[in-house]
Protein backbone atom coordinates (compact mmCIF):
# COMPACT_ATOMS: atom_id res chain seq x y z
CA MET A 1 168.82 48.14 -8.13
CA LYS A 2 165.93 47.84 -6.47
CA ILE A 3 167.47 48.24 -3.39
CA GLU A 4 169.45 51.45 -4.65
CA ASP A 5 165.72 52.28 -5.27
CA ASP A 6 163.81 52.00 -2.08
CA GLU A 7 166.73 53.73 -0.40
CA ASP A 8 166.09 56.90 -3.35
CA GLN A 9 162.75 56.87 -2.75
CA SER A 10 163.15 56.85 1.53
CA LEU A 11 165.60 59.54 0.66
CA ARG A 12 163.08 61.25 -0.99
CA VAL A 13 160.25 61.15 1.73
CA ALA A 14 162.43 62.10 4.19
CA ALA A 15 163.63 65.40 2.10
CA LEU A 16 159.42 66.01 1.45
CA LYS A 17 158.80 65.73 5.15
CA THR A 18 161.89 67.86 6.49
CA ALA A 19 161.10 70.10 3.77
CA GLU A 20 157.14 70.16 4.56
CA SER A 21 158.56 70.46 8.28
CA ILE A 22 160.63 73.11 7.50
CA ILE A 23 157.91 75.08 5.85
CA VAL A 24 155.71 74.67 8.68
CA ALA A 25 158.44 75.82 10.89
CA ARG A 26 158.64 78.98 8.24
CA GLU A 27 154.88 79.72 8.30
CA SER A 28 154.79 79.05 12.08
CA ALA A 29 157.54 81.76 12.89
CA GLU A 30 156.15 83.72 10.16
CA ARG A 31 152.64 84.00 11.96
CA ALA A 32 154.38 84.61 15.19
CA LEU A 33 156.51 87.46 13.06
CA LEU A 34 153.85 88.83 12.23
CA ALA A 35 151.19 88.23 15.62
CA ALA A 36 154.47 90.42 17.40
CA LYS A 37 154.66 92.95 14.71
CA GLU A 38 150.90 93.86 15.29
CA ALA A 39 151.24 93.41 18.71
CA LEU A 40 154.02 95.89 18.87
CA GLU A 41 152.07 98.02 16.62
CA ARG A 42 149.56 97.54 18.74
CA LYS A 43 151.74 98.60 21.57
CA THR A 44 153.54 101.61 19.73
CA GLU A 45 149.97 102.70 18.64
CA GLU A 46 148.82 102.31 22.80
CA LEU A 47 151.86 104.87 23.41
CA GLN A 48 151.15 107.10 20.88
CA GLN A 49 147.76 107.60 21.67
CA GLN A 50 149.06 107.81 25.71
CA ARG A 51 152.09 110.70 25.04
CA GLU A 52 149.07 112.16 22.87
CA SER A 53 146.40 112.78 25.49
CA PHE A 54 149.27 113.19 27.97
CA GLU A 55 150.44 115.93 25.69
CA VAL A 56 146.56 117.29 24.98
CA THR A 57 145.99 117.34 29.11
CA LEU A 58 149.47 119.39 29.95
CA ASN A 59 148.86 121.51 26.84
CA SER A 60 145.53 122.39 28.15
CA ILE A 61 145.96 123.02 31.77
CA GLY A 62 146.93 126.91 33.17
CA ASP A 63 150.18 125.69 34.60
CA ALA A 64 153.46 125.65 33.29
CA VAL A 65 155.22 122.21 32.81
CA ILE A 66 158.74 121.74 32.10
CA THR A 67 159.64 117.97 31.68
CA VAL A 68 163.70 116.62 31.66
CA ASP A 69 165.45 113.26 31.29
CA ILE A 70 167.51 112.03 34.13
CA GLN A 71 170.16 113.60 32.79
CA GLY A 72 168.39 116.98 33.39
CA ARG A 73 168.16 118.12 29.60
CA VAL A 74 164.71 119.11 28.25
CA SER A 75 162.14 116.70 27.08
CA TYR A 76 158.88 118.50 26.83
CA LEU A 77 157.29 122.04 27.50
CA ASN A 78 153.72 122.89 27.03
CA PRO A 79 152.29 126.11 25.21
CA VAL A 80 152.59 128.07 28.92
CA ALA A 81 156.07 127.14 29.74
CA GLU A 82 156.87 128.27 26.37
CA ALA A 83 154.82 131.48 26.30
CA MET A 84 156.90 131.96 30.19
CA THR A 85 160.78 131.17 29.40
CA GLY A 86 160.42 132.55 26.05
CA TRP A 87 161.61 129.10 24.57
CA ARG A 88 160.24 126.96 21.61
CA ILE A 89 160.30 123.45 22.57
CA ALA A 90 161.95 122.44 19.57
CA ASP A 91 165.00 124.95 20.47
CA ALA A 92 164.12 123.91 24.18
CA LYS A 93 164.53 120.08 23.69
CA GLY A 94 168.02 118.66 24.89
CA GLU A 95 168.97 122.23 26.39
CA PRO A 96 170.29 121.61 30.27
CA LEU A 97 167.27 122.89 32.23
CA GLU A 98 169.53 126.04 33.99
CA ARG A 99 169.76 126.82 30.24
CA VAL A 100 165.79 127.40 29.45
CA PHE A 101 164.66 127.50 33.18
CA LYS A 102 166.54 130.44 34.73
CA ILE A 103 165.41 131.22 38.02
CA ILE A 104 166.84 133.83 40.86
CA ASN A 105 165.54 134.96 44.54
CA GLU A 106 163.60 138.30 43.39
CA HIS A 107 165.13 139.69 47.02
CA ASN A 108 168.92 139.33 47.04
CA ARG A 109 169.28 138.42 42.78
CA THR A 110 171.16 135.52 42.88
CA PRO A 111 170.75 132.36 41.15
CA THR A 112 168.17 130.05 42.80
CA GLN A 113 169.25 126.21 42.66
CA SER A 114 166.61 124.28 40.53
CA PRO A 115 164.71 121.54 42.03
CA ILE A 116 166.07 118.64 39.96
CA GLN A 117 169.01 117.32 42.20
CA ARG A 118 166.60 117.14 45.16
CA VAL A 119 163.73 115.62 43.59
CA MET A 120 166.55 112.89 42.30
CA ALA A 121 168.28 112.77 45.84
CA LEU A 122 164.80 112.51 47.40
CA GLY A 123 162.77 110.79 45.38
CA GLN A 124 159.87 113.04 46.27
CA ILE A 125 157.49 116.01 45.29
CA VAL A 126 159.92 119.09 46.23
CA GLY A 127 158.55 122.96 46.43
CA LEU A 128 160.05 126.10 44.74
CA ALA A 129 162.11 128.30 46.89
CA ASN A 130 160.05 131.32 48.08
CA HIS A 131 160.24 134.13 46.60
CA THR A 132 161.73 132.70 43.26
CA ALA A 133 161.25 134.73 40.26
CA LEU A 134 161.61 132.57 36.51
CA ILE A 135 163.95 135.17 34.11
CA SER A 136 162.78 134.64 30.46
CA ARG A 137 164.90 134.03 27.31
CA ASN A 138 163.91 137.80 26.75
CA GLY A 139 165.26 139.13 29.68
CA ALA A 140 161.87 139.61 31.54
CA GLU A 141 161.29 138.59 35.10
CA ILE A 142 158.26 136.62 36.44
CA ALA A 143 157.30 135.37 40.08
CA ILE A 144 156.70 131.82 40.11
CA GLU A 145 156.24 129.31 42.26
CA ASP A 146 155.24 125.71 42.20
CA SER A 147 157.08 122.46 42.44
CA ALA A 148 158.63 119.47 41.03
CA ALA A 149 157.75 115.85 41.19
CA PRO A 150 159.85 112.49 40.04
CA ILE A 151 158.67 110.80 37.02
CA ARG A 152 159.08 107.10 37.67
CA ASP A 153 159.67 104.78 34.85
CA SER A 154 157.07 101.06 34.85
CA ASN A 155 159.72 99.30 37.43
CA GLY A 156 159.66 102.18 40.05
CA ARG A 157 162.95 103.68 38.83
CA ILE A 158 163.15 107.54 38.70
CA SER A 159 163.41 108.20 35.05
CA GLY A 160 163.12 112.25 35.07
CA VAL A 161 161.05 115.30 36.81
CA VAL A 162 158.22 117.28 35.99
CA MET A 163 158.10 120.51 36.71
CA VAL A 164 154.75 122.76 37.41
CA PHE A 165 154.66 126.35 37.82
CA HIS A 166 152.75 129.64 37.52
CA ASP A 167 153.08 133.36 37.39
CA VAL A 168 152.43 134.90 41.40
CA THR A 169 153.08 137.99 39.89
CA ALA A 170 150.08 139.92 40.42
CA ARG A 171 149.57 138.08 43.87
CA ARG A 172 153.07 139.23 44.85
CA GLN A 173 152.41 142.56 44.01
CA ALA A 174 149.05 142.71 45.48
CA GLU A 175 150.58 141.19 48.86
CA LYS A 176 153.45 143.64 48.16
CA ALA A 177 150.69 146.27 48.68
CA LEU A 178 148.97 145.17 51.27
CA ARG A 179 152.48 145.06 53.23
CA GLU A 180 153.19 148.55 52.37
CA THR A 181 149.29 149.51 52.70
CA ASP A 182 150.05 147.88 56.45
CA ARG A 183 153.17 150.04 57.20
CA ARG A 184 152.31 153.38 56.21
CA LYS A 185 148.60 152.66 58.71
CA ASP A 186 150.79 151.81 61.28
CA GLU A 187 153.13 154.93 60.35
CA PHE A 188 149.52 156.96 60.42
CA LEU A 189 148.58 155.75 63.86
CA ALA A 190 151.15 156.32 65.51
CA MET A 191 151.42 160.05 64.13
CA LEU A 192 147.80 160.07 64.99
CA ALA A 193 148.63 159.72 68.49
CA HIS A 194 151.34 161.89 68.45
CA GLU A 195 148.91 164.93 66.84
CA LEU A 196 146.15 164.14 69.83
CA ARG A 197 148.61 163.62 72.63
CA ASN A 198 150.21 167.46 71.07
CA PRO A 199 147.26 169.16 72.16
CA LEU A 200 146.79 168.20 75.59
CA ALA A 201 149.81 170.04 77.03
CA PRO A 202 148.66 172.86 76.42
CA ILE A 203 145.24 172.10 77.42
CA ARG A 204 146.84 170.63 80.99
CA GLN A 205 149.01 173.70 81.17
CA ALA A 206 146.63 176.66 80.11
CA ALA A 207 143.31 174.55 83.07
CA ARG A 208 146.13 174.65 85.46
CA ILE A 209 147.09 178.99 84.91
CA ALA A 210 143.14 179.45 85.08
CA ARG A 211 142.40 178.04 88.15
CA SER A 212 145.65 179.38 89.80
CA PRO A 213 144.52 182.04 92.63
CA THR A 214 147.69 184.21 91.47
CA ALA A 215 146.72 183.88 88.11
CA THR A 216 145.99 187.54 86.60
CA GLU A 217 142.58 188.29 84.65
CA ALA A 218 145.01 188.00 81.49
CA GLN A 219 146.08 185.18 82.29
CA LYS A 220 143.09 183.61 82.57
CA LEU A 221 141.57 184.77 79.26
CA TRP A 222 144.76 183.80 77.73
CA SER A 223 144.72 180.23 79.21
CA HIS A 224 140.78 180.20 77.71
CA ASP A 225 141.77 180.77 74.49
CA VAL A 226 144.67 178.25 74.65
CA ILE A 227 142.37 175.73 75.39
CA ASP A 228 140.15 176.90 72.62
CA ARG A 229 142.64 176.66 69.99
CA GLN A 230 143.38 172.90 70.84
CA VAL A 231 140.46 171.82 71.37
CA HIS A 232 139.32 173.21 67.86
CA HIS A 233 142.40 171.93 66.90
CA MET A 234 141.59 168.18 68.20
CA ALA A 235 138.33 168.60 66.36
CA LEU A 236 139.56 169.18 62.97
CA LEU A 237 141.98 166.25 63.29
CA LEU A 238 138.76 164.23 63.73
CA ASP A 239 136.66 165.68 61.61
CA ASP A 240 139.42 164.99 58.76
CA LEU A 241 139.10 161.40 60.24
CA LEU A 242 135.44 161.22 60.08
CA ASP A 243 135.47 163.15 56.72
CA ILE A 244 137.48 160.77 54.36
CA SER A 245 136.03 157.66 56.28
CA ARG A 246 132.60 158.77 55.12
CA ILE A 247 134.34 159.54 51.47
CA GLY A 248 135.41 155.52 51.52
CA ARG A 249 131.90 154.52 52.23
CA GLY A 250 130.15 156.79 49.87
CA THR A 251 128.40 158.81 52.84
CA LEU A 252 129.35 162.31 52.81
CA GLU A 253 126.86 164.42 51.31
CA LEU A 254 127.74 167.88 50.07
CA ARG A 255 125.59 170.85 50.44
CA THR A 256 125.29 172.15 47.35
CA GLU A 257 124.70 175.82 46.44
CA LEU A 258 125.56 178.86 43.78
CA THR A 259 128.65 180.10 45.24
CA GLU A 260 131.61 182.47 43.95
CA LEU A 261 135.11 181.94 43.73
CA ALA A 262 136.53 185.20 45.17
CA THR A 263 134.61 184.08 48.49
CA ILE A 264 135.67 180.78 48.34
CA ALA A 265 139.32 181.83 48.15
CA ASN A 266 139.28 184.44 50.38
CA ALA A 267 137.91 181.81 52.82
CA ALA A 268 140.55 179.27 52.93
CA MET A 269 142.92 182.41 52.62
CA GLU A 270 142.02 183.69 55.98
CA MET A 271 141.70 179.65 57.52
CA SER A 272 145.84 178.97 56.12
CA ARG A 273 146.82 182.57 56.43
CA PRO A 274 148.21 182.13 60.35
CA ILE A 275 150.68 179.23 59.31
CA ILE A 276 151.75 181.42 56.11
CA ASP A 277 152.04 184.46 57.88
CA SER A 278 154.41 182.65 60.84
CA LYS A 279 156.85 180.99 57.55
CA ARG A 280 157.16 185.03 56.18
CA HIS A 281 156.15 183.26 52.99
CA ALA A 282 154.88 185.60 49.95
CA LEU A 283 150.89 185.08 49.19
CA SER A 284 150.03 186.19 45.26
CA ILE A 285 147.37 185.78 44.47
CA ALA A 286 145.55 185.88 40.58
CA LEU A 287 142.05 185.20 40.33
CA PRO A 288 139.36 186.33 37.31
CA ALA A 289 138.67 190.12 37.45
CA GLU A 290 134.74 189.37 37.07
CA PRO A 291 133.00 187.00 39.22
CA VAL A 292 132.99 183.26 38.95
CA HIS A 293 129.65 181.55 39.72
CA PHE A 294 129.29 177.73 40.39
CA ALA A 295 127.22 175.38 41.88
CA ALA A 296 129.41 173.93 44.57
CA ASP A 297 129.77 173.37 48.83
CA PRO A 298 131.84 176.39 49.87
CA LEU A 299 132.99 174.59 52.97
CA ARG A 300 134.51 171.88 51.40
CA ILE A 301 136.05 173.71 48.52
CA ALA A 302 137.50 176.37 50.69
CA GLN A 303 138.49 173.47 53.06
CA VAL A 304 140.16 171.94 49.69
CA LEU A 305 142.36 175.13 49.21
CA SER A 306 142.87 176.06 52.40
CA ASN A 307 144.67 172.53 52.81
CA LEU A 308 146.70 173.16 49.76
CA LEU A 309 147.69 176.34 50.42
CA THR A 310 148.52 175.14 54.03
CA ASN A 311 150.62 172.27 52.60
CA ALA A 312 152.13 174.75 50.36
CA ALA A 313 153.36 176.87 53.94
CA LYS A 314 154.41 173.64 56.07
CA TYR A 315 156.71 172.28 53.08
CA THR A 316 158.43 175.76 52.15
CA ASP A 317 161.08 177.21 53.58
CA PRO A 318 160.98 179.96 55.48
CA ALA A 319 160.57 183.67 53.79
CA GLY A 320 158.80 181.07 50.16
CA GLN A 321 156.65 181.89 47.65
CA ILE A 322 153.32 180.68 47.09
CA ARG A 323 151.00 182.04 44.43
CA LEU A 324 146.99 181.12 44.57
CA SER A 325 145.87 181.67 40.74
CA ALA A 326 142.32 180.53 39.04
CA SER A 327 140.69 180.51 35.62
CA CYS A 328 137.79 179.81 33.73
CA ILE A 329 137.56 178.73 30.28
CA ASP A 330 135.23 176.70 28.31
CA GLY A 331 132.85 175.93 31.39
CA LEU A 332 136.14 174.35 33.74
CA VAL A 333 136.64 176.49 36.63
CA THR A 334 140.86 175.61 37.39
CA ILE A 335 142.47 177.03 40.53
CA SER A 336 146.36 176.06 41.00
CA VAL A 337 147.92 176.77 44.45
CA ALA A 338 152.16 176.76 43.78
CA ASP A 339 154.97 176.91 46.03
CA SER A 340 159.02 177.63 45.60
CA GLY A 341 158.94 174.77 48.20
CA ILE A 342 160.76 171.51 49.04
CA GLY A 343 159.30 169.87 45.94
CA ILE A 344 158.24 166.43 45.12
CA ALA A 345 160.04 163.34 43.58
CA ALA A 346 158.66 161.85 40.06
CA GLU A 347 157.67 158.59 41.60
CA GLU A 348 156.17 159.97 45.02
CA LEU A 349 153.99 161.87 42.54
CA GLU A 350 150.92 159.68 41.66
CA GLY A 351 151.19 158.24 45.87
CA VAL A 352 150.68 161.99 47.13
CA PHE A 353 146.87 161.36 47.47
CA THR A 354 146.86 157.79 48.50
CA MET A 355 145.78 157.66 52.40
CA PHE A 356 148.37 156.97 54.79
CA SER A 357 151.19 158.25 52.63
CA GLN A 358 153.53 160.48 53.27
CA VAL A 359 156.30 161.24 51.03
CA LYS A 360 159.66 160.65 53.64
CA ALA A 361 161.30 164.69 52.68
CA SER A 362 157.41 165.75 53.84
CA ARG A 363 157.86 163.76 57.16
CA ASP A 364 160.80 165.85 57.55
CA HIS A 365 159.85 169.09 56.82
CA ALA A 366 156.18 169.04 57.79
CA ASP A 367 154.49 171.01 60.87
CA GLY A 368 152.87 168.39 62.36
CA GLY A 369 149.05 166.78 61.01
CA LEU A 370 147.74 163.71 59.68
CA GLY A 371 149.15 162.76 55.92
CA ILE A 372 145.47 162.24 55.12
CA GLY A 373 144.99 166.12 53.87
CA LEU A 374 145.38 165.26 50.34
CA ALA A 375 143.63 162.43 49.85
CA LEU A 376 140.70 164.06 51.59
CA ALA A 377 141.03 166.69 49.28
CA LYS A 378 141.05 164.54 46.27
CA GLY A 379 137.74 162.85 47.85
CA LEU A 380 135.67 165.85 48.05
CA ILE A 381 137.21 167.33 44.90
CA GLU A 382 135.99 164.04 43.09
CA LEU A 383 132.77 163.80 45.00
CA HIS A 384 131.84 167.65 43.52
CA GLY A 385 133.13 165.76 40.09
CA GLY A 386 136.62 167.72 39.71
CA THR A 387 139.92 166.34 39.72
CA ILE A 388 143.13 167.35 41.49
CA GLU A 389 146.43 167.15 40.06
CA ALA A 390 149.86 166.94 41.39
CA ARG A 391 152.72 168.34 39.29
CA SER A 392 156.69 169.36 40.50
CA GLU A 393 160.08 168.86 38.52
CA GLY A 394 161.54 167.26 41.30
CA PRO A 395 163.05 167.87 44.63
CA GLY A 396 163.97 171.22 46.41
CA LYS A 397 162.18 172.70 42.71
CA GLY A 398 158.29 173.32 43.83
CA SER A 399 155.09 172.33 43.88
CA GLU A 400 151.97 172.58 42.30
CA PHE A 401 148.51 171.40 42.83
CA ILE A 402 146.08 171.86 39.89
CA VAL A 403 141.81 171.78 40.77
CA ARG A 404 139.52 171.33 37.96
CA LEU A 405 135.61 171.75 38.63
CA PRO A 406 132.78 171.69 36.38
CA GLN A 407 130.93 175.08 36.53
CA ARG A 408 127.56 174.20 37.27
CA THR A 409 124.57 175.99 37.60
CA LEU A 410 121.48 175.79 40.08
CA SER A 411 118.15 176.27 38.54
CA ALA A 412 117.39 178.44 42.15
CA ALA A 413 118.89 179.18 45.21
CA PRO A 414 118.56 176.91 48.20
CA GLN A 415 116.44 177.74 51.07
CA LEU A 416 117.92 178.19 54.64
CA ARG A 417 117.91 174.71 56.32
CA ALA A 418 114.85 174.71 59.04
CA ILE A 419 117.56 174.52 62.02
CA GLU A 420 119.72 177.76 60.60
CA ALA A 421 116.27 179.72 60.26
CA ALA A 422 115.24 178.25 63.92
CA ALA A 423 118.23 179.33 65.06
CA MET A 424 117.83 182.79 64.10
CA LYS A 425 114.51 182.98 66.20
CA ALA A 426 114.79 184.44 69.45
CA VAL A 427 116.04 181.70 72.58
CA ARG A 428 113.76 180.07 74.71
CA ARG A 429 114.30 178.63 78.11
CA ARG A 430 113.66 174.64 78.02
CA ARG A 431 113.96 172.28 81.06
CA VAL A 432 117.20 169.94 79.68
CA LEU A 433 118.04 166.77 81.24
CA ILE A 434 122.18 165.53 80.70
CA ALA A 435 122.44 161.97 81.72
CA ASP A 436 126.24 161.17 81.45
CA ASP A 437 128.63 159.36 83.08
CA ASN A 438 131.55 161.19 82.51
CA LEU A 439 131.16 164.32 85.23
CA ASP A 440 133.66 166.82 83.24
CA ALA A 441 131.66 166.48 80.37
CA ALA A 442 128.27 166.55 81.71
CA GLU A 443 128.81 169.79 84.13
CA SER A 444 130.79 171.34 81.93
CA LEU A 445 128.01 170.90 79.00
CA ALA A 446 125.20 171.65 81.69
CA VAL A 447 127.27 175.46 82.31
CA LEU A 448 127.15 176.30 78.73
CA LEU A 449 123.52 175.52 78.17
CA ARG A 450 122.76 177.42 81.66
CA MET A 451 124.66 180.30 80.43
CA GLU A 452 121.73 179.98 77.29
CA GLY A 453 119.04 180.62 79.70
CA HIS A 454 118.12 176.81 80.50
CA ASP A 455 117.14 174.93 82.98
CA VAL A 456 119.13 171.99 83.13
CA THR A 457 119.67 168.99 85.24
CA VAL A 458 122.34 166.58 85.16
CA VAL A 459 122.46 163.06 86.25
CA HIS A 460 125.66 159.68 85.59
CA ASP A 461 123.60 156.55 84.97
CA GLY A 462 120.90 155.36 82.94
CA ARG A 463 118.63 154.39 85.67
CA ALA A 464 118.88 158.17 87.12
CA ALA A 465 118.37 159.03 83.65
CA LEU A 466 115.10 156.99 83.52
CA ALA A 467 113.46 158.01 87.23
CA THR A 468 114.67 161.92 86.13
CA ILE A 469 112.36 161.77 82.81
CA ASN A 470 109.55 160.54 84.35
CA SER A 471 109.60 162.79 87.33
CA VAL A 472 111.34 166.26 85.82
CA GLN A 473 109.91 165.83 82.51
CA PRO A 474 112.64 167.44 79.84
CA GLU A 475 111.65 168.65 77.02
CA ILE A 476 115.02 167.28 75.54
CA ALA A 477 117.23 165.05 76.78
CA LEU A 478 121.11 164.23 76.03
CA LEU A 479 121.68 160.96 76.99
CA ASP A 480 125.14 159.33 76.46
CA ILE A 481 125.39 156.08 74.88
CA GLY A 482 127.69 154.18 77.11
CA MET A 483 126.36 155.00 80.45
CA PRO A 484 126.50 152.01 83.77
CA GLU A 485 122.78 150.80 85.00
CA LEU A 486 121.08 151.12 82.11
CA ASP A 487 122.88 152.61 78.69
CA GLY A 488 121.51 154.92 76.49
CA TYR A 489 119.79 152.30 74.21
CA GLN A 490 117.54 151.62 76.75
CA VAL A 491 116.66 154.42 78.71
CA ALA A 492 115.44 155.65 75.07
CA ARG A 493 113.27 152.17 74.87
CA LEU A 494 111.83 152.97 77.83
CA VAL A 495 111.13 156.13 77.44
CA ARG A 496 109.54 155.51 74.09
CA GLN A 497 107.23 152.77 75.64
CA GLY A 498 106.23 155.15 78.75
CA SER A 499 103.94 157.60 79.49
CA LEU A 500 105.74 160.18 77.83
CA GLY A 501 106.10 158.42 74.56
CA ARG A 502 107.27 160.63 71.88
CA ALA A 503 107.03 163.98 74.23
CA VAL A 504 110.63 164.55 74.80
CA THR A 505 113.27 164.85 72.50
CA LEU A 506 115.99 162.58 72.63
CA VAL A 507 119.30 162.65 71.72
CA ALA A 508 122.14 160.76 71.42
CA MET A 509 125.67 161.86 72.61
CA THR A 510 128.25 158.89 71.57
CA GLY A 511 131.99 158.69 70.29
CA TRP A 512 130.83 156.12 67.57
CA GLY A 513 129.82 158.04 64.57
CA GLN A 514 129.57 155.75 61.66
CA ASP A 515 125.94 155.25 59.93
CA ARG A 516 125.29 151.77 61.79
CA ASP A 517 125.54 153.84 65.02
CA LYS A 518 123.08 156.79 64.15
CA ALA A 519 120.95 153.42 62.64
CA ARG A 520 120.97 151.70 65.56
CA ALA A 521 120.57 154.96 67.76
CA LEU A 522 117.11 156.15 65.75
CA GLY A 523 116.35 152.38 66.09
CA ALA A 524 116.14 152.87 69.58
CA GLY A 525 113.36 155.69 69.00
CA PHE A 526 116.07 159.07 69.67
CA ASN A 527 115.82 161.64 67.49
CA HIS A 528 118.85 163.23 67.12
CA HIS A 529 122.93 161.62 66.48
CA PHE A 530 126.02 163.97 67.69
CA THR A 531 129.30 162.35 67.50
CA LYS A 532 131.63 163.48 70.47
CA PRO A 533 133.23 165.92 70.66
CA ILE A 534 129.92 167.91 70.12
CA GLU A 535 130.23 171.15 68.61
CA PRO A 536 128.24 173.68 71.15
CA THR A 537 127.00 175.74 68.67
CA GLN A 538 125.54 172.65 66.98
CA LEU A 539 124.05 171.75 70.10
CA MET A 540 122.83 175.22 70.85
CA ASN A 541 121.15 175.71 67.60
CA LEU A 542 118.91 172.31 67.63
CA ILE A 543 117.38 172.95 70.80
CA ARG A 544 116.49 176.19 69.72
CA SER A 545 115.08 175.03 66.89
CA GLU A 546 113.48 171.72 69.18
CA GLY A 547 112.28 174.41 71.15
CA HIS A 548 110.20 176.23 68.30
CA ARG A 549 108.63 173.49 66.92
CA ASP A 550 105.15 173.91 69.19
């Protein structure tokens, strides 16, 4: 009995120890499980924080971001990508990328392969194809750029792809506009060369006739008229170029005075009458019965109207209709030039006032010109505080250009300019020096001045000019800038430093006519700056005015 009790006691002790071991093991397992759970929760929280931080970062950048899994299905879009694609992340998640991110080549309109497959194959960053456009969910087209890169897991295996792209529509439009401007500029320069060469043939031929021993006096007079007309034509072309350059730089000055509408209209018609008559156009005029006075630069407004009338004549088939009309209502002077010509397509109306611009139909019908006339007209009218508008019902239906100017007034009529007043006085014989390495230019100018009665000396380099100024002491020295030995600037500085000081009037003659060129000439000591080709009348007036300073 005692033995059985001992065995029972041993069994109970063993069972107790086993239970204790089980309890200890269970508690240990529970502690391990709790630790693992806590670690998992911490890891999950860290991953969630990383994910949230990742999404916050992607949501805050200015580029669009799309991520896809290894099967190419969308897993994430940031707000910029949502806006550009038109897909909400809730709708896009799990969709094939090609459905959400639909891209084409903007030139040939063919679908463009997404970079996902290349990223998977190469395992590196891949740029999108050039000229890629994104077609959003609502059909809008957006020019895009950039790249796609692999997403790797902790083992370095590719687990997805991230694409980062942005809208470059504005940049591509600007690039396209620059290319178009460059193309028009090239066409303009080719046309400029053509227009400047055109007068050379009749000038050369007329000069040959004028010096021919068999030419009659009538033929010589005719040749002189041809040369004069062609030189005048070239000068007008260059003046237009200079004017539009000055308008662009904001340096063109208006000579505003109280003028009358009918006077301006008559001057414009007189300038454009030759081409109107040569094409047998019928010109009708409708001006207000009462005189219309307003403050403007009459020469510039006449230049604009003449340009519009000339354009109407050029771009209207022979025996067409041209109408010049005007009105003055509520302080607004409105002038219209309408024609029955080739018309202008609706999409080209806005571009007719653009520099280097000519519509195709205009190029086909034009009788010459640089194609800058309307740009110049627009600039001149805007300088007057007015507007100019083009209208047309389409090709073959004629055109109308409408100028609107404020009817401003002046408190008093301007006085005659000093040079003009001096030009009205009697001409006095002056001592003049001409220094120019272009022999023909120098000698022809000398002949003109001698015909006016002036005493003229001609030299052809800077050192000779300086020596002549010191020995002859001319009252006026006309100096070319680009002379050999010493240039015009050097001669002017040496003259001002010498014994003559300011006694001689120095006039710069140069083909460079920008403001910085004029400033440089004045800084070197010149009194006046003339841009070649020099208008003889202006030069004569200057010499007369300088002659009456004393």
